[in-house]
C-alpha atoms as a PDB file:
ATOM      1  CA  MET A   1       0.020  -0.061  -0.027  1.00  0.00           C
ATOM      2  CA  LYS A   2       2.812   2.512   0.788  1.00  0.00           C
ATOM      3  CA  THR A   3       4.506   1.762  -2.661  1.00  0.00           C
ATOM      4  CA  ARG A   4       1.283   2.642  -4.422  1.00  0.00           C
ATOM      5  CA  ILE A   5       0.816   5.910  -2.528  1.00  0.00           C
ATOM      6  CA  PHE A   6       4.388   6.819  -3.109  1.00  0.00           C
ATOM      7  CA  VAL A   7       4.177   6.127  -6.900  1.00  0.00           C
ATOM      8  CA  ALA A   8       1.075   8.332  -6.863  1.00  0.00           C
ATOM      9  CA  ILE A   9       2.739  11.098  -5.085  1.00  0.00           C
ATOM     10  CA  ILE A  10       5.878  10.908  -7.350  1.00  0.00           C
ATOM     11  CA  PHE A  11       3.425  10.885 -10.432  1.00  0.00           C
ATOM     12  CA  ALA A  12       1.627  13.902  -9.194  1.00  0.00           C
ATOM     13  CA  VAL A  13       4.717  16.010  -8.479  1.00  0.00           C
ATOM     14  CA  ALA A  14       6.056  15.016 -11.954  1.00  0.00           C
ATOM     15  CA  LEU A  15       2.671  16.263 -13.567  1.00  0.00           C
ATOM     16  CA  SER A  16       2.955  19.518 -11.614  1.00  0.00           C
ATOM     17  CA  PHE A  17       6.458  20.400 -13.192  1.00  0.00           C
ATOM     18  CA  ALA A  18       5.539  18.805 -16.486  1.00  0.00           C
ATOM     19  CA  PRO A  19       4.261  22.313 -18.060  1.00  0.00           C
ATOM     20  CA  GLN A  20       7.733  23.722 -17.568  1.00  0.00           C
ATOM     21  CA  PHE A  21       9.393  21.062 -19.539  1.00  0.00           C
ATOM     22  CA  VAL A  22       6.785  20.022 -22.315  1.00  0.00           C
ATOM     23  CA  SER A  23       7.708  22.944 -24.910  1.00  0.00           C
ATOM     24  CA  PRO A  24       8.691  26.084 -23.319  1.00  0.00           C
ATOM     25  CA  SER A  25       9.605  27.622 -26.757  1.00  0.00           C
ATOM     26  CA  ASN A  26       6.012  27.333 -27.919  1.00  0.00           C
ATOM     27  CA  ALA A  27       5.045  30.062 -25.877  1.00  0.00           C
ATOM     28  CA  GLN A  28       7.774  32.421 -26.891  1.00  0.00           C
ATOM     29  CA  THR A  29       7.520  31.570 -30.602  1.00  0.00           C
ATOM     30  CA  PRO A  30       5.166  33.817 -32.312  1.00  0.00           C
ATOM     31  CA  LYS A  31       3.069  32.212 -35.010  1.00  0.00           C
ATOM     32  CA  TYR A  32       3.039  33.639 -38.510  1.00  0.00           C
ATOM     33  CA  SER A  33       0.593  36.334 -39.377  1.00  0.00           C
ATOM     34  CA  ALA A  34       0.086  38.997 -42.128  1.00  0.00           C
ATOM     35  CA  GLN A  35      -1.762  42.262 -42.604  1.00  0.00           C
ATOM     36  CA  LEU A  36      -2.128  43.615 -46.130  1.00  0.00           C
ATOM     37  CA  ILE A  37      -1.546  47.257 -46.377  1.00  0.00           C
ATOM     38  CA  THR A  38      -2.025  47.942 -50.344  1.00  0.00           C
ATOM     39  CA  PRO A  39      -4.254  47.334 -52.030  1.00  0.00           C
ATOM     40  CA  THR A  40      -6.824  48.850 -49.612  1.00  0.00           C
ATOM     41  CA  ALA A  41     -10.326  47.578 -49.117  1.00  0.00           C
ATOM     42  CA  GLY A  42     -12.423  48.850 -51.847  1.00  0.00           C
ATOM     43  CA  GLN A  43      -9.743  50.289 -53.966  1.00  0.00           C
ATOM     44  CA  ILE A  44     -10.382  49.960 -57.873  1.00  0.00           C
ATOM     45  CA  LEU A  45      -7.266  48.658 -59.849  1.00  0.00           C
ATOM     46  CA  TYR A  46      -7.307  48.444 -63.557  1.00  0.00           C
ATOM     47  CA  PRO A  47      -6.010  45.930 -65.980  1.00  0.00           C
ATOM     48  CA  GLY A  48      -2.516  46.473 -66.965  1.00  0.00           C
ATOM     49  CA  GLN A  49      -1.986  48.890 -64.004  1.00  0.00           C
ATOM     50  CA  ARG A  50       1.511  48.480 -62.020  1.00  0.00           C
ATOM     51  CA  VAL A  51       0.733  48.512 -58.241  1.00  0.00           C
ATOM     52  CA  ARG A  52       2.773  48.037 -55.297  1.00  0.00           C
ATOM     53  CA  VAL A  53       1.429  45.082 -53.087  1.00  0.00           C
ATOM     54  CA  GLU A  54       2.591  45.716 -49.464  1.00  0.00           C
ATOM     55  CA  TRP A  55       1.963  43.912 -46.067  1.00  0.00           C
ATOM     56  CA  THR A  56       3.298  43.815 -42.398  1.00  0.00           C
ATOM     57  CA  HIS A  57       3.821  40.253 -41.016  1.00  0.00           C
ATOM     58  CA  THR A  58       5.101  38.572 -37.881  1.00  0.00           C
ATOM     59  CA  LEU A  59       7.419  35.701 -38.822  1.00  0.00           C
ATOM     60  CA  PRO A  60       7.959  32.873 -36.464  1.00  0.00           C
ATOM     61  CA  ASN A  61      11.053  32.254 -34.705  1.00  0.00           C
ATOM     62  CA  VAL A  62      12.566  29.644 -36.901  1.00  0.00           C
ATOM     63  CA  ASN A  63      15.518  29.076 -39.329  1.00  0.00           C
ATOM     64  CA  LEU A  64      14.329  30.988 -42.306  1.00  0.00           C
ATOM     65  CA  ALA A  65      16.785  29.245 -44.571  1.00  0.00           C
ATOM     66  CA  GLY A  66      14.493  27.500 -47.095  1.00  0.00           C
ATOM     67  CA  CYS A  67      11.343  29.455 -46.315  1.00  0.00           C
ATOM     68  CA  GLU A  68       9.611  31.728 -48.711  1.00  0.00           C
ATOM     69  CA  GLU A  69       6.573  34.056 -49.002  1.00  0.00           C
ATOM     70  CA  GLU A  70       3.924  33.961 -51.725  1.00  0.00           C
ATOM     71  CA  VAL A  71       1.019  36.030 -52.594  1.00  0.00           C
ATOM     72  CA  TRP A  72      -1.866  34.155 -54.032  1.00  0.00           C
ATOM     73  CA  LEU A  73      -4.978  35.891 -55.488  1.00  0.00           C
ATOM     74  CA  SER A  74      -8.761  35.012 -55.259  1.00  0.00           C
ATOM     75  CA  LEU A  75     -11.358  36.350 -57.741  1.00  0.00           C
ATOM     76  CA  ASP A  76     -14.274  35.125 -55.743  1.00  0.00           C
ATOM     77  CA  GLY A  77     -14.069  36.809 -52.431  1.00  0.00           C
ATOM     78  CA  GLY A  78     -11.599  34.336 -50.779  1.00  0.00           C
ATOM     79  CA  ARG A  79     -13.378  31.009 -51.425  1.00  0.00           C
ATOM     80  CA  THR A  80     -10.757  29.724 -53.877  1.00  0.00           C
ATOM     81  CA  PHE A  81      -7.156  31.188 -54.421  1.00  0.00           C
ATOM     82  CA  THR A  82      -6.083  29.783 -58.009  1.00  0.00           C
ATOM     83  CA  ALA A  83      -3.224  32.010 -59.060  1.00  0.00           C
ATOM     84  CA  CYS A  84       0.169  32.684 -57.346  1.00  0.00           C
ATOM     85  CA  ILE A  85       0.895  36.322 -58.276  1.00  0.00           C
ATOM     86  CA  THR A  86       4.567  36.411 -56.889  1.00  0.00           C
ATOM     87  CA  PRO A  87       7.933  34.985 -57.714  1.00  0.00           C
ATOM     88  CA  ILE A  88       9.572  33.127 -55.063  1.00  0.00           C
ATOM     89  CA  MET A  89      10.118  35.589 -52.473  1.00  0.00           C
ATOM     90  CA  ASP A  90      12.584  36.023 -49.335  1.00  0.00           C
ATOM     91  CA  PRO A  91      10.476  35.435 -46.288  1.00  0.00           C
ATOM     92  CA  LYS A  92      11.516  38.812 -44.990  1.00  0.00           C
ATOM     93  CA  ALA A  93      10.233  40.871 -48.124  1.00  0.00           C
ATOM     94  CA  THR A  94       6.980  42.935 -47.238  1.00  0.00           C
ATOM     95  CA  PHE A  95       6.295  44.074 -50.744  1.00  0.00           C
ATOM     96  CA  PHE A  96       6.353  43.526 -54.737  1.00  0.00           C
ATOM     97  CA  TYR A  97       5.244  45.101 -57.880  1.00  0.00           C
ATOM     98  CA  TRP A  98       2.371  43.542 -59.563  1.00  0.00           C
ATOM     99  CA  THR A  99       0.909  44.170 -62.950  1.00  0.00           C
ATOM    100  CA  VAL A 100      -3.088  43.626 -62.572  1.00  0.00           C
ATOM    101  CA  PRO A 101      -4.386  41.099 -64.895  1.00  0.00           C
ATOM    102  CA  ASN A 102      -7.402  41.317 -67.101  1.00  0.00           C
ATOM    103  CA  THR A 103      -9.779  39.531 -64.845  1.00  0.00           C
ATOM    104  CA  PRO A 104     -12.556  41.825 -63.822  1.00  0.00           C
ATOM    105  CA  THR A 105     -14.283  41.081 -60.345  1.00  0.00           C
ATOM    106  CA  ASN A 106     -15.516  42.850 -57.587  1.00  0.00           C
ATOM    107  CA  ALA A 107     -14.256  40.447 -55.012  1.00  0.00           C
ATOM    108  CA  ALA A 108     -10.482  40.322 -55.348  1.00  0.00           C
ATOM    109  CA  VAL A 109      -8.863  39.157 -52.081  1.00  0.00           C
ATOM    110  CA  MET A 110      -5.057  38.311 -51.628  1.00  0.00           C
ATOM    111  CA  ASP A 111      -3.419  35.501 -49.329  1.00  0.00           C
ATOM    112  CA  ILE A 112      -0.221  36.006 -47.813  1.00  0.00           C
ATOM    113  CA  ARG A 113       1.384  32.666 -47.573  1.00  0.00           C
ATOM    114  CA  PHE A 114       4.565  31.805 -45.377  1.00  0.00           C
ATOM    115  CA  GLY A 115       6.424  28.387 -45.240  1.00  0.00           C
ATOM    116  CA  GLY A 116       9.319  26.296 -45.816  1.00  0.00           C
ATOM    117  CA  GLU A 117       9.587  22.753 -47.109  1.00  0.00           C
ATOM    118  CA  GLY A 118      11.103  20.705 -44.375  1.00  0.00           C
ATOM    119  CA  TRP A 119      11.437  23.700 -41.925  1.00  0.00           C
ATOM    120  CA  TYR A 120       8.035  25.210 -41.234  1.00  0.00           C
ATOM    121  CA  PRO A 121       4.321  24.181 -42.394  1.00  0.00           C
ATOM    122  CA  GLU A 122       2.783  26.259 -44.974  1.00  0.00           C
ATOM    123  CA  CYS A 123       0.820  29.008 -43.304  1.00  0.00           C
ATOM    124  CA  PHE A 124      -2.072  30.975 -45.000  1.00  0.00           C
ATOM    125  CA  ALA A 125      -3.029  34.508 -44.044  1.00  0.00           C
ATOM    126  CA  PRO A 126      -6.112  35.420 -46.328  1.00  0.00           C
ATOM    127  CA  GLN A 127      -7.071  38.944 -46.351  1.00  0.00           C
ATOM    128  CA  PRO A 128     -10.774  39.239 -46.814  1.00  0.00           C
ATOM    129  CA  ALA A 129     -11.252  42.504 -44.904  1.00  0.00           C
ATOM    130  CA  SER A 130      -9.145  44.022 -47.944  1.00  0.00           C
ATOM    131  CA  THR A 131     -11.214  42.878 -50.817  1.00  0.00           C
ATOM    132  CA  PHE A 132     -10.746  45.246 -53.706  1.00  0.00           C
ATOM    133  CA  VAL A 133     -11.968  45.518 -57.341  1.00  0.00           C
ATOM    134  CA  ILE A 134     -10.535  44.729 -60.659  1.00  0.00           C
ATOM    135  CA  SER A 135     -12.109  46.867 -63.218  1.00  0.00           C
ATOM    136  CA  GLN A 136     -13.390  45.714 -66.671  1.00  0.00           C
ATOM    137  CA  SER A 137     -11.869  48.876 -68.226  1.00  0.00           C
ATOM    138  CA  THR A 138      -8.127  49.995 -68.510  1.00  0.00           C
ATOM    139  CA  GLY A 139      -8.848  53.111 -66.598  1.00  0.00           C
ATOM    140  CA  GLN A 140      -7.255  55.186 -69.449  1.00  0.00           C
ATOM    141  CA  LEU A 141      -9.351  58.275 -70.624  1.00  0.00           C
ATOM    142  CA  TYR A 142      -9.575  58.664 -74.424  1.00  0.00           C
END
């Protein structure tokens, strides 16, 4: 009987210290997040227009070698993201220049993705609060 009580006490003490040893770095490692700056919500872009796509982000505290960022475009309000609109980008990048395609929509949304094969799982940061318009016309006055 004394042995069972002793084992139970040891087990209880071990569990009380367990949170300290499970994974202390998880609490200190920020997760990936991104916030689109431009284009802004409701902005009208025109086919052929060159625009600066810019965002802020929080990168996880991991080795960034082998990691990258990509920006994907949705034409249906963020239900599907069918086109990667960036080249392979350094994960520390926070902008690129984009030529707007001739794909008219009132519900364009971007998804700023981060990940690295073997280093960090692909993370998604869709920006539905920044829905913008791709116009049917080129925006040029004749």
